[in-house]
């Protein structure tokens, strides 16, 4: 298994998102000093993690994806036991 030596660059758009009394932590990141795409990882109150497949071109596009998901499916999609695919 290869181990990466790259540091991560976190977007300033990362942070807590609260809707309907539910808060999740949004992590938007990529390898620092690269043009690699941005990754989206949403962590719930129990440290459950939902990571999107694929990459986004910009951190704004990445943040828009989480907002769209919350608007369409609700924030509880990240806290319930039912599997969700993004």
N, C-alpha and C. Protein backbone atom coordinates (compact mmCIF):
# COMPACT_ATOMS: atom_id res chain seq x y z
N UNK A 1 0.84 -1.16 0.00
CA UNK A 1 0.00 0.00 0.00
C UNK A 1 0.89 1.23 0.00
N UNK A 2 0.61 2.19 -0.90
CA UNK A 2 1.38 3.42 -0.98
C UNK A 2 0.86 4.42 0.04
N UNK A 3 1.77 5.16 0.63
CA UNK A 3 1.41 6.18 1.61
C UNK A 3 1.75 7.53 1.02
N UNK A 4 0.80 8.45 1.07
CA UNK A 4 1.01 9.78 0.51
C UNK A 4 1.71 10.68 1.52
N UNK A 5 2.61 11.51 1.04
CA UNK A 5 3.31 12.46 1.89
C UNK A 5 2.71 13.86 1.77
N UNK A 6 1.64 14.00 1.01
CA UNK A 6 1.02 15.30 0.80
C UNK A 6 0.26 15.76 2.04
N UNK A 7 0.34 17.04 2.31
CA UNK A 7 -0.50 17.63 3.34
C UNK A 7 -1.85 17.96 2.70
N UNK A 8 -2.87 18.07 3.54
CA UNK A 8 -4.19 18.42 3.04
C UNK A 8 -4.42 19.92 3.15
N UNK A 9 -5.11 20.44 2.16
CA UNK A 9 -5.55 21.83 2.16
C UNK A 9 -7.06 21.82 2.40
N UNK A 10 -7.51 22.48 3.45
CA UNK A 10 -8.94 22.54 3.75
C UNK A 10 -9.50 23.86 3.25
N UNK A 11 -10.66 23.78 2.64
CA UNK A 11 -11.34 24.97 2.14
C UNK A 11 -11.89 25.78 3.32
N UNK A 12 -11.91 27.11 3.19
CA UNK A 12 -12.56 27.93 4.21
C UNK A 12 -14.08 27.70 4.26
N UNK A 13 -14.62 27.00 3.26
CA UNK A 13 -16.04 26.65 3.27
C UNK A 13 -16.34 25.45 4.16
N UNK A 14 -15.31 24.79 4.65
CA UNK A 14 -15.49 23.68 5.60
C UNK A 14 -16.04 24.25 6.91
N UNK A 15 -16.76 23.41 7.63
CA UNK A 15 -17.27 23.84 8.93
C UNK A 15 -18.57 23.15 9.27
N UNK A 16 -19.19 23.64 10.31
CA UNK A 16 -20.46 23.07 10.77
C UNK A 16 -21.62 23.61 9.95
N UNK A 17 -22.55 22.71 9.65
CA UNK A 17 -23.79 23.09 8.98
C UNK A 17 -24.93 22.58 9.85
N UNK A 18 -25.87 23.46 10.19
CA UNK A 18 -27.00 23.09 11.02
C UNK A 18 -28.30 23.39 10.29
N UNK A 19 -29.18 22.41 10.25
CA UNK A 19 -30.51 22.57 9.68
C UNK A 19 -31.45 21.73 10.53
N UNK A 20 -32.63 22.27 10.81
CA UNK A 20 -33.67 21.53 11.52
C UNK A 20 -33.15 20.94 12.83
N UNK A 21 -32.27 21.64 13.52
CA UNK A 21 -31.76 21.18 14.81
C UNK A 21 -30.69 20.10 14.72
N UNK A 22 -30.24 19.77 13.51
CA UNK A 22 -29.21 18.75 13.31
C UNK A 22 -27.95 19.44 12.78
N UNK A 23 -26.80 19.11 13.37
CA UNK A 23 -25.53 19.69 12.94
C UNK A 23 -24.61 18.59 12.42
N UNK A 24 -23.99 18.86 11.30
CA UNK A 24 -22.96 17.97 10.74
C UNK A 24 -21.71 18.81 10.51
N UNK A 25 -20.59 18.14 10.46
CA UNK A 25 -19.32 18.79 10.15
C UNK A 25 -18.99 18.52 8.69
N UNK A 26 -18.78 19.56 7.92
CA UNK A 26 -18.47 19.43 6.50
C UNK A 26 -16.97 19.65 6.31
N UNK A 27 -16.31 18.67 5.70
CA UNK A 27 -14.89 18.77 5.39
C UNK A 27 -14.75 18.82 3.87
N UNK A 28 -14.17 19.91 3.39
CA UNK A 28 -13.89 20.08 1.96
C UNK A 28 -12.38 20.23 1.86
N UNK A 29 -11.73 19.29 1.17
CA UNK A 29 -10.27 19.29 1.16
C UNK A 29 -9.70 18.68 -0.12
N UNK A 30 -8.42 18.94 -0.32
CA UNK A 30 -7.65 18.35 -1.42
C UNK A 30 -6.19 18.31 -0.98
N UNK A 31 -5.36 17.65 -1.77
CA UNK A 31 -3.94 17.66 -1.48
C UNK A 31 -3.40 19.07 -1.70
N UNK A 32 -2.63 19.56 -0.73
CA UNK A 32 -2.08 20.92 -0.81
C UNK A 32 -1.10 21.03 -1.97
N UNK A 33 -1.03 22.24 -2.51
CA UNK A 33 -0.08 22.56 -3.58
C UNK A 33 -0.26 21.70 -4.83
N UNK A 34 -1.50 21.31 -5.10
CA UNK A 34 -1.81 20.56 -6.31
C UNK A 34 -3.05 21.16 -6.96
N UNK A 35 -3.34 20.72 -8.14
CA UNK A 35 -4.58 21.09 -8.82
C UNK A 35 -5.58 19.95 -8.76
N UNK A 36 -5.36 19.02 -7.83
CA UNK A 36 -6.28 17.89 -7.68
C UNK A 36 -7.66 18.41 -7.31
N UNK A 37 -8.68 17.59 -7.58
CA UNK A 37 -10.04 17.96 -7.26
C UNK A 37 -10.28 17.98 -5.77
N UNK A 38 -11.40 18.58 -5.40
CA UNK A 38 -11.80 18.71 -4.00
C UNK A 38 -12.65 17.51 -3.58
N UNK A 39 -12.47 17.05 -2.36
CA UNK A 39 -13.22 15.95 -1.77
C UNK A 39 -14.22 16.50 -0.78
N UNK A 40 -15.38 15.86 -0.69
CA UNK A 40 -16.42 16.25 0.26
C UNK A 40 -16.66 15.10 1.23
N UNK A 41 -16.55 15.40 2.52
CA UNK A 41 -16.75 14.43 3.59
C UNK A 41 -17.66 15.08 4.63
N UNK A 42 -18.77 14.43 4.96
CA UNK A 42 -19.72 14.94 5.95
C UNK A 42 -19.72 14.00 7.14
N UNK A 43 -19.49 14.55 8.34
CA UNK A 43 -19.38 13.76 9.56
C UNK A 43 -20.54 14.12 10.49
N UNK A 44 -21.26 13.09 10.97
CA UNK A 44 -22.40 13.33 11.85
C UNK A 44 -21.98 13.35 13.31
N UNK A 45 -22.97 13.49 14.20
CA UNK A 45 -22.74 13.60 15.64
C UNK A 45 -22.10 12.34 16.25
N UNK A 46 -22.23 11.21 15.58
CA UNK A 46 -21.67 9.95 16.09
C UNK A 46 -20.38 9.58 15.36
N UNK A 47 -19.78 10.54 14.68
CA UNK A 47 -18.57 10.34 13.90
C UNK A 47 -18.76 9.43 12.70
N UNK A 48 -20.00 9.25 12.27
CA UNK A 48 -20.26 8.54 11.02
C UNK A 48 -19.89 9.46 9.86
N UNK A 49 -19.27 8.91 8.84
CA UNK A 49 -18.76 9.72 7.75
C UNK A 49 -19.40 9.32 6.42
N UNK A 50 -19.78 10.34 5.64
CA UNK A 50 -20.27 10.14 4.28
C UNK A 50 -19.30 10.87 3.37
N UNK A 51 -18.62 10.12 2.50
CA UNK A 51 -17.65 10.70 1.57
C UNK A 51 -18.21 10.54 0.16
N UNK A 52 -18.22 11.64 -0.58
CA UNK A 52 -18.71 11.60 -1.94
C UNK A 52 -17.74 10.84 -2.83
N UNK A 53 -18.29 10.10 -3.80
CA UNK A 53 -17.46 9.48 -4.83
C UNK A 53 -17.01 10.57 -5.80
N UNK A 54 -15.80 10.48 -6.24
CA UNK A 54 -15.31 11.44 -7.21
C UNK A 54 -14.85 12.74 -6.58
N UNK A 55 -14.47 13.67 -7.45
CA UNK A 55 -13.91 14.94 -7.01
C UNK A 55 -14.68 16.08 -7.64
N UNK A 56 -14.53 17.27 -7.06
CA UNK A 56 -15.15 18.48 -7.58
C UNK A 56 -14.04 19.41 -8.06
N UNK A 57 -14.35 20.23 -9.06
CA UNK A 57 -13.35 21.14 -9.62
C UNK A 57 -12.99 22.28 -8.67
N UNK A 58 -13.98 22.80 -7.94
CA UNK A 58 -13.73 23.93 -7.05
C UNK A 58 -14.34 23.64 -5.68
N UNK A 59 -13.87 24.36 -4.67
CA UNK A 59 -14.46 24.19 -3.35
C UNK A 59 -15.88 24.74 -3.30
N UNK A 60 -16.17 25.76 -4.10
CA UNK A 60 -17.54 26.30 -4.16
C UNK A 60 -18.49 25.26 -4.74
N UNK A 61 -18.07 24.58 -5.80
CA UNK A 61 -18.88 23.50 -6.39
C UNK A 61 -19.11 22.39 -5.36
N UNK A 62 -18.10 22.12 -4.57
CA UNK A 62 -18.20 21.10 -3.53
C UNK A 62 -19.22 21.50 -2.48
N UNK A 63 -19.15 22.74 -2.02
CA UNK A 63 -20.10 23.22 -1.02
C UNK A 63 -21.52 23.24 -1.58
N UNK A 64 -21.66 23.62 -2.84
CA UNK A 64 -22.98 23.62 -3.47
C UNK A 64 -23.58 22.21 -3.48
N UNK A 65 -22.75 21.19 -3.62
CA UNK A 65 -23.24 19.80 -3.63
C UNK A 65 -23.85 19.44 -2.28
N UNK A 66 -23.23 19.83 -1.18
CA UNK A 66 -23.79 19.51 0.14
C UNK A 66 -25.07 20.30 0.38
N UNK A 67 -25.09 21.56 -0.03
CA UNK A 67 -26.30 22.36 0.13
C UNK A 67 -27.46 21.78 -0.68
N UNK A 68 -27.18 21.36 -1.90
CA UNK A 68 -28.21 20.76 -2.76
C UNK A 68 -28.74 19.47 -2.14
N UNK A 69 -27.84 18.64 -1.62
CA UNK A 69 -28.25 17.39 -0.99
C UNK A 69 -29.14 17.65 0.22
N UNK A 70 -28.75 18.60 1.04
CA UNK A 70 -29.56 18.93 2.23
C UNK A 70 -30.91 19.47 1.82
N UNK A 71 -30.93 20.32 0.80
CA UNK A 71 -32.20 20.89 0.32
C UNK A 71 -33.12 19.81 -0.23
N UNK A 72 -32.56 18.85 -0.98
CA UNK A 72 -33.38 17.82 -1.63
C UNK A 72 -33.74 16.66 -0.71
N UNK A 73 -32.78 16.22 0.13
CA UNK A 73 -32.99 15.02 0.93
C UNK A 73 -33.10 15.28 2.43
N UNK A 74 -32.74 16.48 2.86
CA UNK A 74 -32.77 16.80 4.28
C UNK A 74 -31.46 16.44 4.95
N UNK A 75 -31.12 17.17 5.99
CA UNK A 75 -29.85 16.95 6.67
C UNK A 75 -29.82 15.61 7.41
N UNK A 76 -30.99 15.10 7.76
CA UNK A 76 -31.03 13.82 8.49
C UNK A 76 -30.56 12.64 7.64
N UNK A 77 -30.42 12.84 6.34
CA UNK A 77 -29.89 11.78 5.49
C UNK A 77 -28.49 11.37 5.93
N UNK A 78 -27.80 12.26 6.65
CA UNK A 78 -26.45 11.97 7.12
C UNK A 78 -26.42 11.37 8.52
N UNK A 79 -27.57 11.29 9.18
CA UNK A 79 -27.59 10.81 10.56
C UNK A 79 -28.43 9.56 10.75
N UNK A 80 -29.18 9.18 9.75
CA UNK A 80 -30.03 8.01 9.89
C UNK A 80 -29.28 6.76 9.46
N UNK A 81 -29.76 5.61 9.87
CA UNK A 81 -29.09 4.36 9.59
C UNK A 81 -29.22 3.90 8.13
N UNK A 82 -30.23 4.42 7.43
CA UNK A 82 -30.42 4.00 6.05
C UNK A 82 -29.25 4.43 5.18
N UNK A 83 -28.75 3.54 4.34
CA UNK A 83 -27.63 3.92 3.47
C UNK A 83 -28.04 4.99 2.46
N UNK A 84 -27.16 5.92 2.22
CA UNK A 84 -27.37 6.98 1.26
C UNK A 84 -26.18 7.01 0.32
N UNK A 85 -26.43 7.11 -0.96
CA UNK A 85 -25.36 7.13 -1.96
C UNK A 85 -25.31 8.49 -2.60
N UNK A 86 -24.14 9.09 -2.63
CA UNK A 86 -23.95 10.41 -3.26
C UNK A 86 -22.88 10.32 -4.30
